[in-house]
Amino acid sequence: TVFIIRREFEREFRQIVGRRMENIMDVGYAFQ
């Protein structure tokens, strides 16, 4: 899964969403 996010809320997104999703499958990030 690759999440396309805005860089200004990367930290919040990783904390709330990313860490939990990384337990399910391989995760990457792209920035719009």
All heavy atoms as atom14 arrays in JSON, in Angstrom:
{
  "sequence": "TVFIIRREFEREFRQIVGRRMENIMDVGYAFQ",
  "atom14_mask": [
    [1, 1, 1, 1, 1, 1, 1, 0, 0, 0, 0, 0, 0, 0],
    [1, 1, 1, 1, 1, 1, 1, 0, 0, 0, 0, 0, 0, 0],
    [1, 1, 1, 1, 1, 1, 1, 1, 1, 1, 1, 0, 0, 0],
    [1, 1, 1, 1, 1, 1, 1, 1, 0, 0, 0, 0, 0, 0],
    [1, 1, 1, 1, 1, 1, 1, 1, 0, 0, 0, 0, 0, 0],
    [1, 1, 1, 1, 1, 1, 1, 1, 1, 1, 1, 0, 0, 0],
    [1, 1, 1, 1, 1, 1, 1, 1, 1, 1, 1, 0, 0, 0],
    [1, 1, 1, 1, 1, 1, 1, 1, 1, 0, 0, 0, 0, 0],
    [1, 1, 1, 1, 1, 1, 1, 1, 1, 1, 1, 0, 0, 0],
    [1, 1, 1, 1, 1, 1, 1, 1, 1, 0, 0, 0, 0, 0],
    [1, 1, 1, 1, 1, 1, 1, 1, 1, 1, 1, 0, 0, 0],
    [1, 1, 1, 1, 1, 1, 1, 1, 1, 0, 0, 0, 0, 0],
    [1, 1, 1, 1, 1, 1, 1, 1, 1, 1, 1, 0, 0, 0],
    [1, 1, 1, 1, 1, 1, 1, 1, 1, 1, 1, 0, 0, 0],
    [1, 1, 1, 1, 1, 1, 1, 1, 1, 0, 0, 0, 0, 0],
    [1, 1, 1, 1, 1, 1, 1, 1, 0, 0, 0, 0, 0, 0],
    [1, 1, 1, 1, 1, 1, 1, 0, 0, 0, 0, 0, 0, 0],
    [1, 1, 1, 1, 0, 0, 0, 0, 0, 0, 0, 0, 0, 0],
    [1, 1, 1, 1, 1, 1, 1, 1, 1, 1, 1, 0, 0, 0],
    [1, 1, 1, 1, 1, 1, 1, 1, 1, 1, 1, 0, 0, 0],
    [1, 1, 1, 1, 1, 1, 1, 1, 0, 0, 0, 0, 0, 0],
    [1, 1, 1, 1, 1, 1, 1, 1, 1, 0, 0, 0, 0, 0],
    [1, 1, 1, 1, 1, 1, 1, 1, 0, 0, 0, 0, 0, 0],
    [1, 1, 1, 1, 1, 1, 1, 1, 0, 0, 0, 0, 0, 0],
    [1, 1, 1, 1, 1, 1, 1, 1, 0, 0, 0, 0, 0, 0],
    [1, 1, 1, 1, 1, 1, 1, 1, 0, 0, 0, 0, 0, 0],
    [1, 1, 1, 1, 1, 1, 1, 0, 0, 0, 0, 0, 0, 0],
    [1, 1, 1, 1, 0, 0, 0, 0, 0, 0, 0, 0, 0, 0],
    [1, 1, 1, 1, 1, 1, 1, 1, 1, 1, 1, 1, 0, 0],
    [1, 1, 1, 1, 1, 0, 0, 0, 0, 0, 0, 0, 0, 0],
    [1, 1, 1, 1, 1, 1, 1, 1, 1, 1, 1, 0, 0, 0],
    [1, 1, 1, 1, 1, 1, 1, 1, 1, 0, 0, 0, 0, 0]
  ],
  "atom14_positions": [
    [[0.84, -1.19, 0.0], [0.0, 0.0, 0.0], [0.88, 1.24, 0.0], [1.85, 1.32, 0.77], [-0.92, 0.04, 1.23], [-1.87, -1.03, 1.16], [-1.69, 1.36, 1.29], [0.0, 0.0, 0.0], [0.0, 0.0, 0.0], [0.0, 0.0, 0.0], [0.0, 0.0, 0.0], [0.0, 0.0, 0.0], [0.0, 0.0, 0.0], [0.0, 0.0, 0.0]],
    [[0.57, 2.2, -0.85], [1.26, 3.49, -0.88], [0.23, 4.58, -0.58], [-0.78, 4.68, -1.27], [1.94, 3.75, -2.24], [2.54, 5.15, -2.28], [3.01, 2.7, -2.51], [0.0, 0.0, 0.0], [0.0, 0.0, 0.0], [0.0, 0.0, 0.0], [0.0, 0.0, 0.0], [0.0, 0.0, 0.0], [0.0, 0.0, 0.0], [0.0, 0.0, 0.0]],
    [[0.49, 5.36, 0.44], [-0.38, 6.48, 0.8], [0.13, 7.75, 0.14], [1.31, 8.1, 0.28], [-0.4, 6.68, 2.32], [-1.02, 5.54, 3.08], [-0.23, 4.65, 3.79], [-2.39, 5.35, 3.08], [-0.79, 3.6, 4.49], [-2.96, 4.3, 3.79], [-2.16, 3.42, 4.49], [0.0, 0.0, 0.0], [0.0, 0.0, 0.0], [0.0, 0.0, 0.0]],
    [[-0.74, 8.44, -0.57], [-0.4, 9.73, -1.16], [-0.94, 10.8, -0.22], [-2.14, 10.95, -0.05], [-1.02, 9.89, -2.56], [-0.63, 8.71, -3.46], [-0.57, 11.22, -3.19], [-1.37, 8.68, -4.78], [0.0, 0.0, 0.0], [0.0, 0.0, 0.0], [0.0, 0.0, 0.0], [0.0, 0.0, 0.0], [0.0, 0.0, 0.0], [0.0, 0.0, 0.0]],
    [[-0.03, 11.53, 0.43], [-0.41, 12.49, 1.45], [0.28, 13.83, 1.19], [1.13, 13.94, 0.32], [-0.06, 11.99, 2.86], [1.46, 11.78, 2.99], [-0.8, 10.69, 3.17], [1.91, 11.37, 4.39], [0.0, 0.0, 0.0], [0.0, 0.0, 0.0], [0.0, 0.0, 0.0], [0.0, 0.0, 0.0], [0.0, 0.0, 0.0], [0.0, 0.0, 0.0]],
    [[-0.11, 14.82, 1.96], [0.59, 16.1, 1.92], [1.64, 16.13, 3.01], [1.42, 15.68, 4.13], [-0.41, 17.24, 2.07], [-1.28, 17.4, 0.83], [-2.45, 18.31, 1.01], [-2.07, 19.69, 1.21], [-2.92, 20.71, 1.14], [-4.2, 20.48, 0.87], [-2.52, 21.94, 1.34], [0.0, 0.0, 0.0], [0.0, 0.0, 0.0], [0.0, 0.0, 0.0]],
    [[2.8, 16.63, 2.65], [3.95, 16.52, 3.53], [3.72, 17.2, 4.88], [4.25, 16.77, 5.9], [5.19, 17.11, 2.86], [6.5, 16.71, 3.51], [7.69, 17.25, 2.76], [7.8, 16.7, 1.42], [8.42, 15.56, 1.15], [8.98, 14.86, 2.11], [8.5, 15.13, -0.1], [0.0, 0.0, 0.0], [0.0, 0.0, 0.0], [0.0, 0.0, 0.0]],
    [[2.87, 18.24, 4.91], [2.71, 18.97, 6.16], [1.99, 18.18, 7.25], [2.08, 18.53, 8.43], [1.98, 20.3, 5.93], [0.62, 20.18, 5.27], [0.7, 20.45, 3.78], [1.7, 20.03, 3.14], [-0.24, 21.09, 3.25], [0.0, 0.0, 0.0], [0.0, 0.0, 0.0], [0.0, 0.0, 0.0], [0.0, 0.0, 0.0], [0.0, 0.0, 0.0]],
    [[1.27, 17.1, 6.87], [0.71, 16.29, 7.95], [1.26, 14.86, 7.93], [0.63, 13.91, 8.39], [-0.83, 16.32, 7.97], [-1.54, 15.68, 6.81], [-1.88, 14.34, 6.83], [-1.93, 16.43, 5.72], [-2.57, 13.75, 5.79], [-2.63, 15.85, 4.66], [-2.95, 14.51, 4.7], [0.0, 0.0, 0.0], [0.0, 0.0, 0.0], [0.0, 0.0, 0.0]],
    [[2.5, 14.72, 7.41], [3.15, 13.41, 7.37], [3.3, 12.81, 8.77], [2.99, 11.64, 9.0], [4.51, 13.5, 6.7], [5.27, 12.17, 6.71], [6.7, 12.29, 6.21], [7.13, 13.43, 5.89], [7.37, 11.25, 6.13], [0.0, 0.0, 0.0], [0.0, 0.0, 0.0], [0.0, 0.0, 0.0], [0.0, 0.0, 0.0], [0.0, 0.0, 0.0]],
    [[3.79, 13.6, 9.72], [4.05, 13.07, 11.05], [2.77, 12.57, 11.7], [2.73, 11.46, 12.24], [4.7, 14.15, 11.92], [5.03, 13.68, 13.33], [5.73, 14.78, 14.11], [6.01, 14.35, 15.48], [6.6, 15.11, 16.4], [6.99, 16.34, 16.07], [6.81, 14.64, 17.61], [0.0, 0.0, 0.0], [0.0, 0.0, 0.0], [0.0, 0.0, 0.0]],
    [[1.71, 13.37, 11.63], [0.43, 12.97, 12.21], [-0.11, 11.73, 11.51], [-0.61, 10.8, 12.16], [-0.57, 14.12, 12.1], [-1.94, 13.79, 12.67], [-2.94, 14.92, 12.46], [-2.62, 15.87, 11.71], [-4.03, 14.84, 13.04], [0.0, 0.0, 0.0], [0.0, 0.0, 0.0], [0.0, 0.0, 0.0], [0.0, 0.0, 0.0], [0.0, 0.0, 0.0]],
    [[0.0, 11.69, 10.19], [-0.51, 10.56, 9.43], [0.23, 9.27, 9.79], [-0.4, 8.22, 10.0], [-0.38, 10.83, 7.94], [-1.09, 9.83, 7.07], [-2.38, 10.07, 6.64], [-0.47, 8.66, 6.69], [-3.04, 9.14, 5.84], [-1.12, 7.73, 5.9], [-2.4, 7.97, 5.48], [0.0, 0.0, 0.0], [0.0, 0.0, 0.0], [0.0, 0.0, 0.0]],
    [[1.54, 9.34, 9.87], [2.32, 8.15, 10.22], [1.96, 7.65, 11.61], [1.87, 6.44, 11.85], [3.81, 8.45, 10.14], [4.37, 8.53, 8.71], [5.84, 8.86, 8.73], [6.44, 8.93, 7.42], [7.08, 7.93, 6.82], [7.18, 6.76, 7.44], [7.62, 8.08, 5.62], [0.0, 0.0, 0.0], [0.0, 0.0, 0.0], [0.0, 0.0, 0.0]],
    [[1.76, 8.56, 12.55], [1.45, 8.17, 13.91], [0.06, 7.55, 14.03], [-0.12, 6.53, 14.72], [1.55, 9.38, 14.85], [2.98, 9.86, 15.09], [3.03, 11.1, 15.95], [2.04, 11.82, 16.1], [4.19, 11.37, 16.53], [0.0, 0.0, 0.0], [0.0, 0.0, 0.0], [0.0, 0.0, 0.0], [0.0, 0.0, 0.0], [0.0, 0.0, 0.0]],
    [[-0.91, 8.15, 13.36], [-2.3, 7.71, 13.51], [-2.63, 6.55, 12.58], [-3.36, 5.62, 12.96], [-3.26, 8.88, 13.26], [-3.03, 9.98, 14.29], [-4.72, 8.41, 13.3], [-3.86, 11.23, 14.06], [0.0, 0.0, 0.0], [0.0, 0.0, 0.0], [0.0, 0.0, 0.0], [0.0, 0.0, 0.0], [0.0, 0.0, 0.0], [0.0, 0.0, 0.0]],
    [[-2.08, 6.56, 11.37], [-2.44, 5.58, 10.36], [-1.29, 4.65, 10.02], [-1.42, 3.42, 10.08], [-2.94, 6.28, 9.07], [-3.32, 5.25, 8.01], [-4.11, 7.19, 9.37], [0.0, 0.0, 0.0], [0.0, 0.0, 0.0], [0.0, 0.0, 0.0], [0.0, 0.0, 0.0], [0.0, 0.0, 0.0], [0.0, 0.0, 0.0], [0.0, 0.0, 0.0]],
    [[-0.16, 5.23, 9.66], [0.94, 4.45, 9.1], [1.43, 3.33, 9.97], [1.59, 2.19, 9.51], [0.0, 0.0, 0.0], [0.0, 0.0, 0.0], [0.0, 0.0, 0.0], [0.0, 0.0, 0.0], [0.0, 0.0, 0.0], [0.0, 0.0, 0.0], [0.0, 0.0, 0.0], [0.0, 0.0, 0.0], [0.0, 0.0, 0.0], [0.0, 0.0, 0.0]],
    [[1.67, 3.61, 11.24], [2.23, 2.57, 12.12], [1.29, 1.38, 12.25], [1.74, 0.24, 12.31], [2.52, 3.16, 13.5], [3.74, 4.08, 13.53], [4.16, 4.43, 14.93], [3.11, 5.16, 15.65], [3.28, 5.66, 16.88], [4.43, 5.5, 17.52], [2.3, 6.32, 17.47], [0.0, 0.0, 0.0], [0.0, 0.0, 0.0], [0.0, 0.0, 0.0]],
    [[0.0, 1.65, 12.28], [-0.96, 0.55, 12.38], [-1.01, -0.25, 11.09], [-1.07, -1.49, 11.12], [-2.34, 1.12, 12.72], [-3.39, 0.07, 13.0], [-4.62, 0.66, 13.64], [-5.36, 1.53, 12.76], [-5.42, 2.86, 12.89], [-4.75, 3.46, 13.87], [-6.13, 3.58, 12.06], [0.0, 0.0, 0.0], [0.0, 0.0, 0.0], [0.0, 0.0, 0.0]],
    [[-0.99, 0.43, 9.94], [-1.06, -0.26, 8.66], [0.2, -1.08, 8.38], [0.15, -2.11, 7.71], [-1.28, 0.74, 7.53], [-2.51, 1.62, 7.69], [-4.03, 0.67, 7.83], [-5.23, 1.98, 8.02], [0.0, 0.0, 0.0], [0.0, 0.0, 0.0], [0.0, 0.0, 0.0], [0.0, 0.0, 0.0], [0.0, 0.0, 0.0], [0.0, 0.0, 0.0]],
    [[1.33, -0.62, 8.89], [2.59, -1.33, 8.66], [2.58, -2.71, 9.3], [3.4, -3.57, 8.94], [3.76, -0.5, 9.19], [4.05, 0.72, 8.32], [4.93, 1.76, 8.99], [5.43, 1.45, 10.11], [5.12, 2.84, 8.43], [0.0, 0.0, 0.0], [0.0, 0.0, 0.0], [0.0, 0.0, 0.0], [0.0, 0.0, 0.0], [0.0, 0.0, 0.0]],
    [[1.69, -2.95, 10.24], [1.55, -4.27, 10.84], [0.76, -5.23, 9.95], [0.73, -6.43, 10.21], [0.86, -4.17, 12.2], [1.71, -3.44, 13.23], [2.93, -3.55, 13.22], [1.06, -2.69, 14.12], [0.0, 0.0, 0.0], [0.0, 0.0, 0.0], [0.0, 0.0, 0.0], [0.0, 0.0, 0.0], [0.0, 0.0, 0.0], [0.0, 0.0, 0.0]],
    [[0.1, -4.67, 8.93], [-0.74, -5.48, 8.06], [-0.03, -5.85, 6.77], [-0.07, -6.99, 6.32], [-2.05, -4.73, 7.74], [-2.82, -4.44, 9.03], [-2.91, -5.52, 6.76], [-4.07, -3.61, 8.82], [0.0, 0.0, 0.0], [0.0, 0.0, 0.0], [0.0, 0.0, 0.0], [0.0, 0.0, 0.0], [0.0, 0.0, 0.0], [0.0, 0.0, 0.0]],
    [[0.65, -4.87, 6.15], [1.32, -5.12, 4.88], [2.42, -4.08, 4.66], [2.56, -3.13, 5.44], [0.32, -5.11, 3.73], [-0.36, -3.79, 3.47], [-1.81, -3.92, 2.35], [-1.09, -4.71, 0.9], [0.0, 0.0, 0.0], [0.0, 0.0, 0.0], [0.0, 0.0, 0.0], [0.0, 0.0, 0.0], [0.0, 0.0, 0.0], [0.0, 0.0, 0.0]],
    [[3.19, -4.26, 3.61], [4.25, -3.32, 3.25], [3.63, -1.97, 2.9], [2.65, -1.9, 2.15], [5.03, -3.89, 2.06], [6.21, -3.02, 1.68], [6.79, -2.37, 2.57], [6.55, -2.99, 0.48], [0.0, 0.0, 0.0], [0.0, 0.0, 0.0], [0.0, 0.0, 0.0], [0.0, 0.0, 0.0], [0.0, 0.0, 0.0], [0.0, 0.0, 0.0]],
    [[4.21, -0.88, 3.45], [3.65, 0.45, 3.29], [4.7, 1.41, 2.75], [5.86, 1.37, 3.15], [3.1, 0.98, 4.64], [2.76, 2.47, 4.56], [1.86, 0.19, 5.05], [0.0, 0.0, 0.0], [0.0, 0.0, 0.0], [0.0, 0.0, 0.0], [0.0, 0.0, 0.0], [0.0, 0.0, 0.0], [0.0, 0.0, 0.0], [0.0, 0.0, 0.0]],
    [[4.28, 2.3, 1.84], [5.13, 3.37, 1.36], [4.37, 4.68, 1.37], [3.14, 4.71, 1.55], [0.0, 0.0, 0.0], [0.0, 0.0, 0.0], [0.0, 0.0, 0.0], [0.0, 0.0, 0.0], [0.0, 0.0, 0.0], [0.0, 0.0, 0.0], [0.0, 0.0, 0.0], [0.0, 0.0, 0.0], [0.0, 0.0, 0.0], [0.0, 0.0, 0.0]],
    [[5.1, 5.8, 1.15], [4.49, 7.12, 1.18], [4.94, 7.93, -0.03], [6.1, 7.89, -0.44], [4.88, 7.87, 2.46], [4.42, 7.18, 3.72], [5.23, 6.26, 4.35], [3.16, 7.45, 4.26], [4.81, 5.6, 5.5], [2.73, 6.8, 5.41], [3.56, 5.88, 6.03], [3.13, 5.23, 7.16], [0.0, 0.0, 0.0], [0.0, 0.0, 0.0]],
    [[3.99, 8.67, -0.59], [4.29, 9.62, -1.65], [3.66, 10.95, -1.25], [2.69, 10.98, -0.49], [3.71, 9.15, -2.99], [0.0, 0.0, 0.0], [0.0, 0.0, 0.0], [0.0, 0.0, 0.0], [0.0, 0.0, 0.0], [0.0, 0.0, 0.0], [0.0, 0.0, 0.0], [0.0, 0.0, 0.0], [0.0, 0.0, 0.0], [0.0, 0.0, 0.0]],
    [[4.23, 12.05, -1.75], [3.81, 13.36, -1.26], [3.29, 14.23, -2.4], [3.96, 14.46, -3.4], [4.98, 14.05, -0.57], [5.51, 13.27, 0.6], [6.66, 12.5, 0.47], [4.83, 13.27, 1.81], [7.13, 11.76, 1.54], [5.3, 12.53, 2.88], [6.44, 11.77, 2.74], [0.0, 0.0, 0.0], [0.0, 0.0, 0.0], [0.0, 0.0, 0.0]],
    [[2.05, 14.69, -2.22], [1.44, 15.64, -3.15], [1.59, 17.02, -2.54], [0.73, 17.49, -1.79], [-0.04, 15.29, -3.38], [-0.68, 16.15, -4.46], [-2.12, 15.73, -4.73], [-2.62, 14.79, -4.13], [-2.78, 16.43, -5.63], [0.0, 0.0, 0.0], [0.0, 0.0, 0.0], [0.0, 0.0, 0.0], [0.0, 0.0, 0.0], [0.0, 0.0, 0.0]]
  ]
}
